[in-house]
């Protein structure tokens, strides 16, 4: 347990883990739901869990805020990857602003004045 004490000294590192998890999920596990919808639902859950902290059962429901914050950060990472992937050129429908290419052979050097 002593090895996890650095997470309590640096709280922003704990916020980085769900963001990275969302980025990895966005790259390797594409969902059929848009990231915007998931992000808005998770923001709503965060707001509702924040309102739950003002009830009489504040300490027994404190975990809901942590879970909803985890979901918001994870969905934010997924949304970032989804937006980045939508910028790439798609050969099926011709949309996108950036081209992704792969070099398959060594470039050949030619003279400049020919």
PDB file of N, CA and C in Angstrom:
ATOM      1  N   UNK A   1       0.812  -1.192   0.000  1.00  0.00           N
ATOM      2  CA  UNK A   1       0.000   0.000   0.000  1.00  0.00           C
ATOM      3  C   UNK A   1       0.858   1.259   0.000  1.00  0.00           C
ATOM      4  N   UNK A   2       2.057   1.144   0.435  1.00  0.00           N
ATOM      5  CA  UNK A   2       2.949   2.300   0.494  1.00  0.00           C
ATOM      6  C   UNK A   2       3.286   2.807  -0.908  1.00  0.00           C
ATOM      7  N   UNK A   3       3.253   1.923  -1.912  1.00  0.00           N
ATOM      8  CA  UNK A   3       3.620   2.341  -3.260  1.00  0.00           C
ATOM      9  C   UNK A   3       2.559   3.235  -3.898  1.00  0.00           C
ATOM     10  N   UNK A   4       1.313   3.205  -3.436  1.00  0.00           N
ATOM     11  CA  UNK A   4       0.256   4.036  -3.991  1.00  0.00           C
ATOM     12  C   UNK A   4       0.095   5.361  -3.247  1.00  0.00           C
ATOM     13  N   UNK A   5       0.940   5.656  -2.290  1.00  0.00           N
ATOM     14  CA  UNK A   5       0.832   6.901  -1.540  1.00  0.00           C
ATOM     15  C   UNK A   5       1.194   8.125  -2.384  1.00  0.00           C
ATOM     16  N   UNK A   6       1.951   7.926  -3.468  1.00  0.00           N
ATOM     17  CA  UNK A   6       2.291   9.069  -4.309  1.00  0.00           C
ATOM     18  C   UNK A   6       1.044   9.618  -5.003  1.00  0.00           C
ATOM     19  N   UNK A   7       0.003   8.800  -5.168  1.00  0.00           N
ATOM     20  CA  UNK A   7      -1.233   9.286  -5.777  1.00  0.00           C
ATOM     21  C   UNK A   7      -1.953  10.291  -4.885  1.00  0.00           C
ATOM     22  N   UNK A   8      -1.769  10.190  -3.588  1.00  0.00           N
ATOM     23  CA  UNK A   8      -2.388  11.151  -2.680  1.00  0.00           C
ATOM     24  C   UNK A   8      -1.604  12.454  -2.616  1.00  0.00           C
ATOM     25  N   UNK A   9      -0.304  12.383  -2.880  1.00  0.00           N
ATOM     26  CA  UNK A   9       0.507  13.603  -2.865  1.00  0.00           C
ATOM     27  C   UNK A   9       0.358  14.401  -4.156  1.00  0.00           C
ATOM     28  N   UNK A  10       0.031  13.705  -5.277  1.00  0.00           N
ATOM     29  CA  UNK A  10      -0.125  14.365  -6.570  1.00  0.00           C
ATOM     30  C   UNK A  10      -1.508  14.041  -7.129  1.00  0.00           C
ATOM     31  N   UNK A  11      -2.517  14.829  -6.787  1.00  0.00           N
ATOM     32  CA  UNK A  11      -3.888  14.482  -7.186  1.00  0.00           C
ATOM     33  C   UNK A  11      -4.139  14.586  -8.686  1.00  0.00           C
ATOM     34  N   UNK A  12      -3.401  15.413  -9.398  1.00  0.00           N
ATOM     35  CA  UNK A  12      -3.641  15.545 -10.831  1.00  0.00           C
ATOM     36  C   UNK A  12      -3.190  14.321 -11.605  1.00  0.00           C
ATOM     37  N   UNK A  13      -2.326  13.515 -11.035  1.00  0.00           N
ATOM     38  CA  UNK A  13      -1.945  12.251 -11.668  1.00  0.00           C
ATOM     39  C   UNK A  13      -3.148  11.317 -11.687  1.00  0.00           C
ATOM     40  N   UNK A  14      -3.949  11.360 -10.647  1.00  0.00           N
ATOM     41  CA  UNK A  14      -5.160  10.528 -10.617  1.00  0.00           C
ATOM     42  C   UNK A  14      -6.155  10.959 -11.678  1.00  0.00           C
ATOM     43  N   UNK A  15      -6.147  12.214 -12.065  1.00  0.00           N
ATOM     44  CA  UNK A  15      -7.029  12.684 -13.126  1.00  0.00           C
ATOM     45  C   UNK A  15      -6.508  12.300 -14.510  1.00  0.00           C
ATOM     46  N   UNK A  16      -5.215  12.040 -14.603  1.00  0.00           N
ATOM     47  CA  UNK A  16      -4.613  11.683 -15.881  1.00  0.00           C
ATOM     48  C   UNK A  16      -4.955  10.257 -16.297  1.00  0.00           C
ATOM     49  N   UNK A  17      -5.102   9.348 -15.346  1.00  0.00           N
ATOM     50  CA  UNK A  17      -5.366   7.944 -15.666  1.00  0.00           C
ATOM     51  C   UNK A  17      -6.673   7.740 -16.421  1.00  0.00           C
ATOM     52  N   UNK A  18      -7.809   8.299 -15.998  1.00  0.00           N
ATOM     53  CA  UNK A  18      -9.029   8.092 -16.793  1.00  0.00           C
ATOM     54  C   UNK A  18      -8.972   8.749 -18.164  1.00  0.00           C
ATOM     55  N   UNK A  19      -8.267   9.880 -18.273  1.00  0.00           N
ATOM     56  CA  UNK A  19      -8.123  10.523 -19.569  1.00  0.00           C
ATOM     57  C   UNK A  19      -7.341   9.632 -20.523  1.00  0.00           C
ATOM     58  N   UNK A  20      -6.245   9.060 -20.035  1.00  0.00           N
ATOM     59  CA  UNK A  20      -5.456   8.142 -20.861  1.00  0.00           C
ATOM     60  C   UNK A  20      -6.240   6.888 -21.204  1.00  0.00           C
ATOM     61  N   UNK A  21      -7.030   6.402 -20.256  1.00  0.00           N
ATOM     62  CA  UNK A  21      -7.862   5.230 -20.504  1.00  0.00           C
ATOM     63  C   UNK A  21      -8.889   5.516 -21.588  1.00  0.00           C
ATOM     64  N   UNK A  22      -9.469   6.699 -21.591  1.00  0.00           N
ATOM     65  CA  UNK A  22     -10.416   7.083 -22.632  1.00  0.00           C
ATOM     66  C   UNK A  22      -9.757   7.224 -23.993  1.00  0.00           C
ATOM     67  N   UNK A  23      -8.526   7.722 -24.021  1.00  0.00           N
ATOM     68  CA  UNK A  23      -7.792   7.844 -25.286  1.00  0.00           C
ATOM     69  C   UNK A  23      -7.499   6.467 -25.858  1.00  0.00           C
ATOM     70  N   UNK A  24      -7.054   5.541 -25.021  1.00  0.00           N
ATOM     71  CA  UNK A  24      -6.763   4.185 -25.480  1.00  0.00           C
ATOM     72  C   UNK A  24      -8.040   3.490 -25.949  1.00  0.00           C
ATOM     73  N   UNK A  25      -9.121   3.661 -25.217  1.00  0.00           N
ATOM     74  CA  UNK A  25     -10.406   3.070 -25.636  1.00  0.00           C
ATOM     75  C   UNK A  25     -10.877   3.668 -26.955  1.00  0.00           C
ATOM     76  N   UNK A  26     -10.667   4.940 -27.145  1.00  0.00           N
ATOM     77  CA  UNK A  26     -11.066   5.584 -28.395  1.00  0.00           C
ATOM     78  C   UNK A  26     -10.250   5.117 -29.582  1.00  0.00           C
ATOM     79  N   UNK A  27      -8.998   4.756 -29.352  1.00  0.00           N
ATOM     80  CA  UNK A  27      -8.147   4.311 -30.443  1.00  0.00           C
ATOM     81  C   UNK A  27      -8.410   2.854 -30.823  1.00  0.00           C
ATOM     82  N   UNK A  28      -8.655   2.009 -29.837  1.00  0.00           N
ATOM     83  CA  UNK A  28      -8.721   0.577 -30.111  1.00  0.00           C
ATOM     84  C   UNK A  28     -10.113  -0.028 -29.964  1.00  0.00           C
ATOM     85  N   UNK A  29     -11.050   0.649 -29.353  1.00  0.00           N
ATOM     86  CA  UNK A  29     -12.402   0.117 -29.148  1.00  0.00           C
ATOM     87  C   UNK A  29     -13.429   1.159 -29.562  1.00  0.00           C
ATOM     88  N   UNK A  30     -13.620   1.348 -30.864  1.00  0.00           N
ATOM     89  CA  UNK A  30     -14.601   2.363 -31.271  1.00  0.00           C
ATOM     90  C   UNK A  30     -16.016   1.933 -30.907  1.00  0.00           C
ATOM     91  N   UNK A  31     -16.789   2.883 -30.413  1.00  0.00           N
ATOM     92  CA  UNK A  31     -18.172   2.623 -30.023  1.00  0.00           C
ATOM     93  C   UNK A  31     -19.108   3.073 -31.132  1.00  0.00           C
ATOM     94  N   UNK A  32     -20.347   2.615 -31.076  1.00  0.00           N
ATOM     95  CA  UNK A  32     -21.333   3.000 -32.072  1.00  0.00           C
ATOM     96  C   UNK A  32     -22.086   4.259 -31.662  1.00  0.00           C
ATOM     97  N   UNK A  33     -21.811   4.765 -30.478  1.00  0.00           N
ATOM     98  CA  UNK A  33     -22.442   5.988 -29.979  1.00  0.00           C
ATOM     99  C   UNK A  33     -21.437   7.125 -30.138  1.00  0.00           C
ATOM    100  N   UNK A  34     -21.926   8.293 -30.532  1.00  0.00           N
ATOM    101  CA  UNK A  34     -21.031   9.438 -30.671  1.00  0.00           C
ATOM    102  C   UNK A  34     -20.490   9.862 -29.308  1.00  0.00           C
ATOM    103  N   UNK A  35     -19.265  10.357 -29.307  1.00  0.00           N
ATOM    104  CA  UNK A  35     -18.638  10.809 -28.075  1.00  0.00           C
ATOM    105  C   UNK A  35     -19.337  11.992 -27.442  1.00  0.00           C
ATOM    106  N   UNK A  36     -19.997  12.809 -28.262  1.00  0.00           N
ATOM    107  CA  UNK A  36     -20.724  13.966 -27.730  1.00  0.00           C
ATOM    108  C   UNK A  36     -21.840  13.528 -26.795  1.00  0.00           C
ATOM    109  N   UNK A  37     -22.572  12.500 -27.197  1.00  0.00           N
ATOM    110  CA  UNK A  37     -23.686  12.017 -26.392  1.00  0.00           C
ATOM    111  C   UNK A  37     -23.174  11.442 -25.075  1.00  0.00           C
ATOM    112  N   UNK A  38     -22.123  10.630 -25.156  1.00  0.00           N
ATOM    113  CA  UNK A  38     -21.560  10.045 -23.936  1.00  0.00           C
ATOM    114  C   UNK A  38     -21.027  11.120 -22.999  1.00  0.00           C
ATOM    115  N   UNK A  39     -20.395  12.131 -23.557  1.00  0.00           N
ATOM    116  CA  UNK A  39     -19.835  13.192 -22.739  1.00  0.00           C
ATOM    117  C   UNK A  39     -20.937  13.991 -22.038  1.00  0.00           C
ATOM    118  N   UNK A  40     -22.009  14.288 -22.752  1.00  0.00           N
ATOM    119  CA  UNK A  40     -23.111  15.034 -22.140  1.00  0.00           C
ATOM    120  C   UNK A  40     -23.814  14.216 -21.056  1.00  0.00           C
ATOM    121  N   UNK A  41     -23.985  12.929 -21.280  1.00  0.00           N
ATOM    122  CA  UNK A  41     -24.599  12.064 -20.257  1.00  0.00           C
ATOM    123  C   UNK A  41     -23.713  11.989 -19.027  1.00  0.00           C
ATOM    124  N   UNK A  42     -22.404  11.875 -19.236  1.00  0.00           N
ATOM    125  CA  UNK A  42     -21.508  11.809 -18.077  1.00  0.00           C
ATOM    126  C   UNK A  42     -21.445  13.145 -17.336  1.00  0.00           C
ATOM    127  N   UNK A  43     -21.565  14.259 -18.054  1.00  0.00           N
ATOM    128  CA  UNK A  43     -21.629  15.565 -17.384  1.00  0.00           C
ATOM    129  C   UNK A  43     -22.910  15.692 -16.553  1.00  0.00           C
ATOM    130  N   UNK A  44     -24.008  15.161 -17.069  1.00  0.00           N
ATOM    131  CA  UNK A  44     -25.251  15.168 -16.317  1.00  0.00           C
ATOM    132  C   UNK A  44     -25.128  14.322 -15.052  1.00  0.00           C
ATOM    133  N   UNK A  45     -24.484  13.164 -15.177  1.00  0.00           N
ATOM    134  CA  UNK A  45     -24.246  12.323 -13.997  1.00  0.00           C
ATOM    135  C   UNK A  45     -23.360  13.029 -12.976  1.00  0.00           C
ATOM    136  N   UNK A  46     -22.362  13.749 -13.456  1.00  0.00           N
ATOM    137  CA  UNK A  46     -21.487  14.496 -12.552  1.00  0.00           C
ATOM    138  C   UNK A  46     -22.271  15.570 -11.806  1.00  0.00           C
ATOM    139  N   UNK A  47     -23.143  16.264 -12.516  1.00  0.00           N
ATOM    140  CA  UNK A  47     -23.952  17.291 -11.874  1.00  0.00           C
ATOM    141  C   UNK A  47     -24.901  16.687 -10.844  1.00  0.00           C
ATOM    142  N   UNK A  48     -25.534  15.572 -11.186  1.00  0.00           N
ATOM    143  CA  UNK A  48     -26.441  14.921 -10.246  1.00  0.00           C
ATOM    144  C   UNK A  48     -25.709  14.384  -9.022  1.00  0.00           C
ATOM    145  N   UNK A  49     -24.515  13.844  -9.236  1.00  0.00           N
ATOM    146  CA  UNK A  49     -23.755  13.357  -8.082  1.00  0.00           C
ATOM    147  C   UNK A  49     -23.258  14.506  -7.218  1.00  0.00           C
ATOM    148  N   UNK A  50     -23.006  15.665  -7.840  1.00  0.00           N
ATOM    149  CA  UNK A  50     -22.648  16.846  -7.054  1.00  0.00           C
ATOM    150  C   UNK A  50     -23.823  17.293  -6.189  1.00  0.00           C
ATOM    151  N   UNK A  51     -25.022  17.215  -6.742  1.00  0.00           N
ATOM    152  CA  UNK A  51     -26.210  17.563  -5.961  1.00  0.00           C
ATOM    153  C   UNK A  51     -26.453  16.570  -4.828  1.00  0.00           C
ATOM    154  N   UNK A  52     -26.048  15.313  -5.018  1.00  0.00           N
ATOM    155  CA  UNK A  52     -26.214  14.308  -3.966  1.00  0.00           C
ATOM    156  C   UNK A  52     -25.325  14.594  -2.754  1.00  0.00           C
ATOM    157  N   UNK A  53     -24.266  15.353  -2.951  1.00  0.00           N
ATOM    158  CA  UNK A  53     -23.382  15.645  -1.824  1.00  0.00           C
ATOM    159  C   UNK A  53     -24.025  16.588  -0.812  1.00  0.00           C
ATOM    160  N   UNK A  54     -25.109  17.237  -1.181  1.00  0.00           N
ATOM    161  CA  UNK A  54     -25.788  18.141  -0.263  1.00  0.00           C
ATOM    162  C   UNK A  54     -26.913  17.458   0.518  1.00  0.00           C
ATOM    163  N   UNK A  55     -27.065  16.165   0.367  1.00  0.00           N
ATOM    164  CA  UNK A  55     -28.105  15.435   1.096  1.00  0.00           C
ATOM    165  C   UNK A  55     -27.585  14.997   2.459  1.00  0.00           C
ATOM    166  N   UNK A  56     -28.434  14.354   3.224  1.00  0.00           N
ATOM    167  CA  UNK A  56     -28.045  13.901   4.562  1.00  0.00           C
ATOM    168  C   UNK A  56     -27.085  12.707   4.500  1.00  0.00           C
ATOM    169  N   UNK A  57     -27.138  11.934   3.408  1.00  0.00           N
ATOM    170  CA  UNK A  57     -26.262  10.770   3.262  1.00  0.00           C
ATOM    171  C   UNK A  57     -25.016  11.145   2.467  1.00  0.00           C
ATOM    172  N   UNK A  58     -24.429  12.250   2.812  1.00  0.00           N
ATOM    173  CA  UNK A  58     -23.302  12.793   2.067  1.00  0.00           C
ATOM    174  C   UNK A  58     -22.128  11.818   2.005  1.00  0.00           C
ATOM    175  N   UNK A  59     -21.749  11.239   3.113  1.00  0.00           N
ATOM    176  CA  UNK A  59     -20.556  10.408   3.150  1.00  0.00           C
ATOM    177  C   UNK A  59     -20.784   9.027   2.556  1.00  0.00           C
ATOM    178  N   UNK A  60     -22.008   8.534   2.604  1.00  0.00           N
ATOM    179  CA  UNK A  60     -22.257   7.222   2.011  1.00  0.00           C
ATOM    180  C   UNK A  60     -22.419   7.298   0.494  1.00  0.00           C
ATOM    181  N   UNK A  61     -22.678   8.476  -0.048  1.00  0.00           N
ATOM    182  CA  UNK A  61     -22.832   8.652  -1.489  1.00  0.00           C
ATOM    183  C   UNK A  61     -21.669   9.401  -2.115  1.00  0.00           C
ATOM    184  N   UNK A  62     -20.594   9.548  -1.416  1.00  0.00           N
ATOM    185  CA  UNK A  62     -19.440  10.297  -1.906  1.00  0.00           C
ATOM    186  C   UNK A  62     -18.763   9.605  -3.086  1.00  0.00           C
ATOM    187  N   UNK A  63     -18.879   8.298  -3.177  1.00  0.00           N
ATOM    188  CA  UNK A  63     -18.229   7.552  -4.247  1.00  0.00           C
ATOM    189  C   UNK A  63     -18.861   7.866  -5.603  1.00  0.00           C
ATOM    190  N   UNK A  64     -20.116   8.313  -5.628  1.00  0.00           N
ATOM    191  CA  UNK A  64     -20.764   8.603  -6.905  1.00  0.00           C
ATOM    192  C   UNK A  64     -20.101   9.777  -7.619  1.00  0.00           C
ATOM    193  N   UNK A  65     -19.610  10.735  -6.861  1.00  0.00           N
ATOM    194  CA  UNK A  65     -18.911  11.862  -7.474  1.00  0.00           C
ATOM    195  C   UNK A  65     -17.609  11.397  -8.115  1.00  0.00           C
ATOM    196  N   UNK A  66     -16.885  10.520  -7.451  1.00  0.00           N
ATOM    197  CA  UNK A  66     -15.634  10.005  -8.011  1.00  0.00           C
ATOM    198  C   UNK A  66     -15.861   9.181  -9.260  1.00  0.00           C
ATOM    199  N   UNK A  67     -16.885   8.352  -9.249  1.00  0.00           N
ATOM    200  CA  UNK A  67     -17.182   7.533 -10.422  1.00  0.00           C
ATOM    201  C   UNK A  67     -17.632   8.404 -11.590  1.00  0.00           C
ATOM    202  N   UNK A  68     -18.462   9.382 -11.324  1.00  0.00           N
ATOM    203  CA  UNK A  68     -18.928  10.243 -12.414  1.00  0.00           C
ATOM    204  C   UNK A  68     -17.803  11.131 -12.938  1.00  0.00           C
ATOM    205  N   UNK A  69     -16.879  11.564 -12.090  1.00  0.00           N
ATOM    206  CA  UNK A  69     -15.725  12.329 -12.564  1.00  0.00           C
ATOM    207  C   UNK A  69     -14.824  11.455 -13.422  1.00  0.00           C
ATOM    208  N   UNK A  70     -14.659  10.190 -13.036  1.00  0.00           N
ATOM    209  CA  UNK A  70     -13.903   9.236 -13.840  1.00  0.00           C
ATOM    210  C   UNK A  70     -14.548   9.085 -15.216  1.00  0.00           C
ATOM    211  N   UNK A  71     -15.873   8.974 -15.262  1.00  0.00           N
ATOM    212  CA  UNK A  71     -16.576   8.821 -16.538  1.00  0.00           C
ATOM    213  C   UNK A  71     -16.461  10.067 -17.406  1.00  0.00           C
ATOM    214  N   UNK A  72     -16.518  11.230 -16.793  1.00  0.00           N
ATOM    215  CA  UNK A  72     -16.378  12.471 -17.564  1.00  0.00           C
ATOM    216  C   UNK A  72     -14.992  12.541 -18.198  1.00  0.00           C
ATOM    217  N   UNK A  73     -13.962  12.241 -17.445  1.00  0.00           N
ATOM    218  CA  UNK A  73     -12.602  12.317 -17.984  1.00  0.00           C
ATOM    219  C   UNK A  73     -12.355  11.235 -19.025  1.00  0.00           C
ATOM    220  N   UNK A  74     -12.908  10.036 -18.801  1.00  0.00           N
ATOM    221  CA  UNK A  74     -12.748   8.962 -19.771  1.00  0.00           C
ATOM    222  C   UNK A  74     -13.469   9.318 -21.074  1.00  0.00           C
ATOM    223  N   UNK A  75     -14.668   9.856 -20.974  1.00  0.00           N
ATOM    224  CA  UNK A  75     -15.400  10.243 -22.177  1.00  0.00           C
ATOM    225  C   UNK A  75     -14.766  11.437 -22.870  1.00  0.00           C
ATOM    226  N   UNK A  76     -14.102  12.293 -22.114  1.00  0.00           N
ATOM    227  CA  UNK A  76     -13.377  13.403 -22.726  1.00  0.00           C
ATOM    228  C   UNK A  76     -12.211  12.881 -23.569  1.00  0.00           C
ATOM    229  N   UNK A  77     -11.490  11.895 -23.048  1.00  0.00           N
ATOM    230  CA  UNK A  77     -10.418  11.283 -23.827  1.00  0.00           C
ATOM    231  C   UNK A  77     -10.940  10.606 -25.071  1.00  0.00           C
ATOM    232  N   UNK A  78     -12.074   9.909 -24.947  1.00  0.00           N
ATOM    233  CA  UNK A  78     -12.687   9.264 -26.102  1.00  0.00           C
ATOM    234  C   UNK A  78     -13.131  10.298 -27.124  1.00  0.00           C
ATOM    235  N   UNK A  79     -13.678  11.412 -26.646  1.00  0.00           N
ATOM    236  CA  UNK A  79     -14.135  12.478 -27.538  1.00  0.00           C
ATOM    237  C   UNK A  79     -12.957  13.118 -28.276  1.00  0.00           C
ATOM    238  N   UNK A  80     -11.845  13.301 -27.602  1.00  0.00           N
ATOM    239  CA  UNK A  80     -10.660  13.869 -28.251  1.00  0.00           C
ATOM    240  C   UNK A  80     -10.169  12.984 -29.385  1.00  0.00           C
ATOM    241  N   UNK A  81     -10.139  11.673 -29.148  1.00  0.00           N
ATOM    242  CA  UNK A  81      -9.691  10.751 -30.193  1.00  0.00           C
ATOM    243  C   UNK A  81     -10.697  10.720 -31.339  1.00  0.00           C
ATOM    244  N   UNK A  82     -11.971  10.741 -31.020  1.00  0.00           N
ATOM    245  CA  UNK A  82     -13.000  10.721 -32.066  1.00  0.00           C
ATOM    246  C   UNK A  82     -12.900  11.958 -32.941  1.00  0.00           C
ATOM    247  N   UNK A  83     -12.679  13.110 -32.352  1.00  0.00           N
ATOM    248  CA  UNK A  83     -12.540  14.347 -33.137  1.00  0.00           C
ATOM    249  C   UNK A  83     -11.279  14.303 -34.003  1.00  0.00           C
ATOM    250  N   UNK A  84     -10.207  13.753 -33.463  1.00  0.00           N
ATOM    251  CA  UNK A  84      -8.955  13.677 -34.222  1.00  0.00           C
ATOM    252  C   UNK A  84      -9.100  12.710 -35.395  1.00  0.00           C
ATOM    253  N   UNK A  85      -9.789  11.598 -35.170  1.00  0.00           N
ATOM    254  CA  UNK A  85      -9.978  10.617 -36.248  1.00  0.00           C
ATOM    255  C   UNK A  85     -10.917  11.146 -37.329  1.00  0.00           C
ATOM    256  N   UNK A  86     -11.847  11.998 -36.964  1.00  0.00           N
ATOM    257  CA  UNK A  86     -12.754  12.551 -37.971  1.00  0.00           C
ATOM    258  C   UNK A  86     -12.050  13.568 -38.868  1.00  0.00           C
ATOM    259  N   UNK A  87     -10.914  14.083 -38.442  1.00  0.00           N
ATOM    260  CA  UNK A  87     -10.147  15.022 -39.253  1.00  0.00           C
ATOM    261  C   UNK A  87      -9.379  14.314 -40.364  1.00  0.00           C
ATOM    262  N   UNK A  88      -9.119  12.999 -40.196  1.00  0.00           N
ATOM    263  CA  UNK A  88      -8.370  12.261 -41.207  1.00  0.00           C
ATOM    264  C   UNK A  88      -9.222  12.044 -42.448  1.00  0.00           C
ATOM    265  N   UNK A  89      -8.569  12.001 -43.590  1.00  0.00           N
ATOM    266  CA  UNK A  89      -9.272  11.798 -44.844  1.00  0.00           C
ATOM    267  C   UNK A  89      -9.803  10.376 -44.921  1.00  0.00           C
ATOM    268  N   UNK A  90     -11.062  10.247 -45.267  1.00  0.00           N
ATOM    269  CA  UNK A  90     -11.704   8.950 -45.378  1.00  0.00           C
ATOM    270  C   UNK A  90     -11.909   8.648 -46.862  1.00  0.00           C
ATOM    271  N   UNK A  91     -11.272   7.599 -47.402  1.00  0.00           N
ATOM    272  CA  UNK A  91     -11.406   7.339 -48.843  1.00  0.00           C
ATOM    273  C   UNK A  91     -12.814   6.901 -49.246  1.00  0.00           C
ATOM    274  N   UNK A  92     -13.613   6.415 -48.304  1.00  0.00           N
ATOM    275  CA  UNK A  92     -14.962   5.948 -48.657  1.00  0.00           C
ATOM    276  C   UNK A  92     -15.893   7.099 -49.015  1.00  0.00           C
ATOM    277  N   UNK A  93     -15.832   8.170 -48.237  1.00  0.00           N
ATOM    278  CA  UNK A  93     -16.744   9.284 -48.526  1.00  0.00           C
ATOM    279  C   UNK A  93     -16.015  10.585 -48.864  1.00  0.00           C
ATOM    280  N   UNK A  94     -14.695  10.585 -48.857  1.00  0.00           N
ATOM    281  CA  UNK A  94     -13.923  11.748 -49.271  1.00  0.00           C
ATOM    282  C   UNK A  94     -13.963  12.913 -48.314  1.00  0.00           C
ATOM    283  N   UNK A  95     -14.222  12.659 -47.030  1.00  0.00           N
ATOM    284  CA  UNK A  95     -14.265  13.748 -46.062  1.00  0.00           C
ATOM    285  C   UNK A  95     -12.973  13.779 -45.259  1.00  0.00           C
ATOM    286  N   UNK A  96     -12.688  14.907 -44.676  1.00  0.00           N
ATOM    287  CA  UNK A  96     -11.526  15.055 -43.821  1.00  0.00           C
ATOM    288  C   UNK A  96     -10.562  16.094 -44.355  1.00  0.00           C
ATOM    289  N   UNK A  97      -9.700  16.585 -43.490  1.00  0.00           N
ATOM    290  CA  UNK A  97      -8.768  17.637 -43.858  1.00  0.00           C
ATOM    291  C   UNK A  97      -7.318  17.160 -43.870  1.00  0.00           C
ATOM    292  N   UNK A  98      -7.009  16.105 -43.156  1.00  0.00           N
ATOM    293  CA  UNK A  98      -5.644  15.594 -43.068  1.00  0.00           C
ATOM    294  C   UNK A  98      -5.529  14.258 -43.790  1.00  0.00           C
ATOM    295  N   UNK A  99      -4.379  14.007 -44.378  1.00  0.00           N
ATOM    296  CA  UNK A  99      -4.150  12.751 -45.076  1.00  0.00           C
ATOM    297  C   UNK A  99      -3.211  11.879 -44.265  1.00  0.00           C
ATOM    298  N   UNK A 100      -3.540  10.629 -44.153  1.00  0.00           N
ATOM    299  CA  UNK A 100      -2.696   9.652 -43.483  1.00  0.00           C
ATOM    300  C   UNK A 100      -2.076   8.787 -44.562  1.00  0.00           C
ATOM    301  N   UNK A 101      -0.751   8.711 -44.584  1.00  0.00           N
ATOM    302  CA  UNK A 101      -0.089   7.938 -45.630  1.00  0.00           C
ATOM    303  C   UNK A 101       1.007   7.086 -45.026  1.00  0.00           C
ATOM    304  N   UNK A 102       1.506   6.177 -45.850  1.00  0.00           N
ATOM    305  CA  UNK A 102       2.558   5.281 -45.406  1.00  0.00           C
ATOM    306  C   UNK A 102       3.605   5.206 -46.510  1.00  0.00           C
ATOM    307  N   UNK A 103       4.864   5.390 -46.150  1.00  0.00           N
ATOM    308  CA  UNK A 103       5.954   5.301 -47.124  1.00  0.00           C
ATOM    309  C   UNK A 103       6.330   3.839 -47.256  1.00  0.00           C
ATOM    310  N   UNK A 104       6.270   3.327 -48.488  1.00  0.00           N
ATOM    311  CA  UNK A 104       6.525   1.907 -48.697  1.00  0.00           C
ATOM    312  C   UNK A 104       7.892   1.633 -49.310  1.00  0.00           C
ATOM    313  N   UNK A 105       8.571   2.664 -49.807  1.00  0.00           N
ATOM    314  CA  UNK A 105       9.872   2.458 -50.431  1.00  0.00           C
ATOM    315  C   UNK A 105      10.776   3.638 -50.099  1.00  0.00           C
ATOM    316  N   UNK A 106      12.058   3.436 -50.217  1.00  0.00           N
ATOM    317  CA  UNK A 106      13.041   4.491 -49.957  1.00  0.00           C
ATOM    318  C   UNK A 106      12.918   5.549 -51.047  1.00  0.00           C
ATOM    319  N   UNK A 107      12.864   6.829 -50.695  1.00  0.00           N
ATOM    320  CA  UNK A 107      12.775   7.879 -51.724  1.00  0.00           C
ATOM    321  C   UNK A 107      14.020   7.894 -52.602  1.00  0.00           C
ATOM    322  N   UNK A 108      13.806   8.149 -53.859  1.00  0.00           N
ATOM    323  CA  UNK A 108      14.906   8.160 -54.828  1.00  0.00           C
ATOM    324  C   UNK A 108      15.393   9.600 -54.999  1.00  0.00           C
ATOM    325  N   UNK A 109      16.692   9.792 -54.925  1.00  0.00           N
ATOM    326  CA  UNK A 109      17.254  11.141 -55.044  1.00  0.00           C
ATOM    327  C   UNK A 109      17.441  11.480 -56.503  1.00  0.00           C
ATOM    328  N   UNK A 110      16.937  12.642 -56.926  1.00  0.00           N
ATOM    329  CA  UNK A 110      17.055  13.096 -58.317  1.00  0.00           C
ATOM    330  C   UNK A 110      17.730  14.452 -58.326  1.00  0.00           C
ATOM    331  N   UNK A 111      18.293  14.759 -59.457  1.00  0.00           N
ATOM    332  CA  UNK A 111      18.972  16.059 -59.561  1.00  0.00           C
ATOM    333  C   UNK A 111      17.932  17.173 -59.656  1.00  0.00           C
ATOM    334  N   UNK A 112      18.283  18.308 -59.178  1.00  0.00           N
ATOM    335  CA  UNK A 112      17.353  19.428 -59.084  1.00  0.00           C
ATOM    336  C   UNK A 112      17.138  20.113 -60.430  1.00  0.00           C
ATOM    337  N   UNK A 113      18.161  20.143 -61.311  1.00  0.00           N
ATOM    338  CA  UNK A 113      18.109  20.933 -62.547  1.00  0.00           C
ATOM    339  C   UNK A 113      17.697  20.109 -63.764  1.00  0.00           C
ATOM    340  N   UNK A 114      17.185  18.927 -63.616  1.00  0.00           N
ATOM    341  CA  UNK A 114      16.772  18.129 -64.775  1.00  0.00           C
ATOM    342  C   UNK A 114      15.412  18.425 -65.232  1.00  0.00           C
TER     343      UNK A 114
END
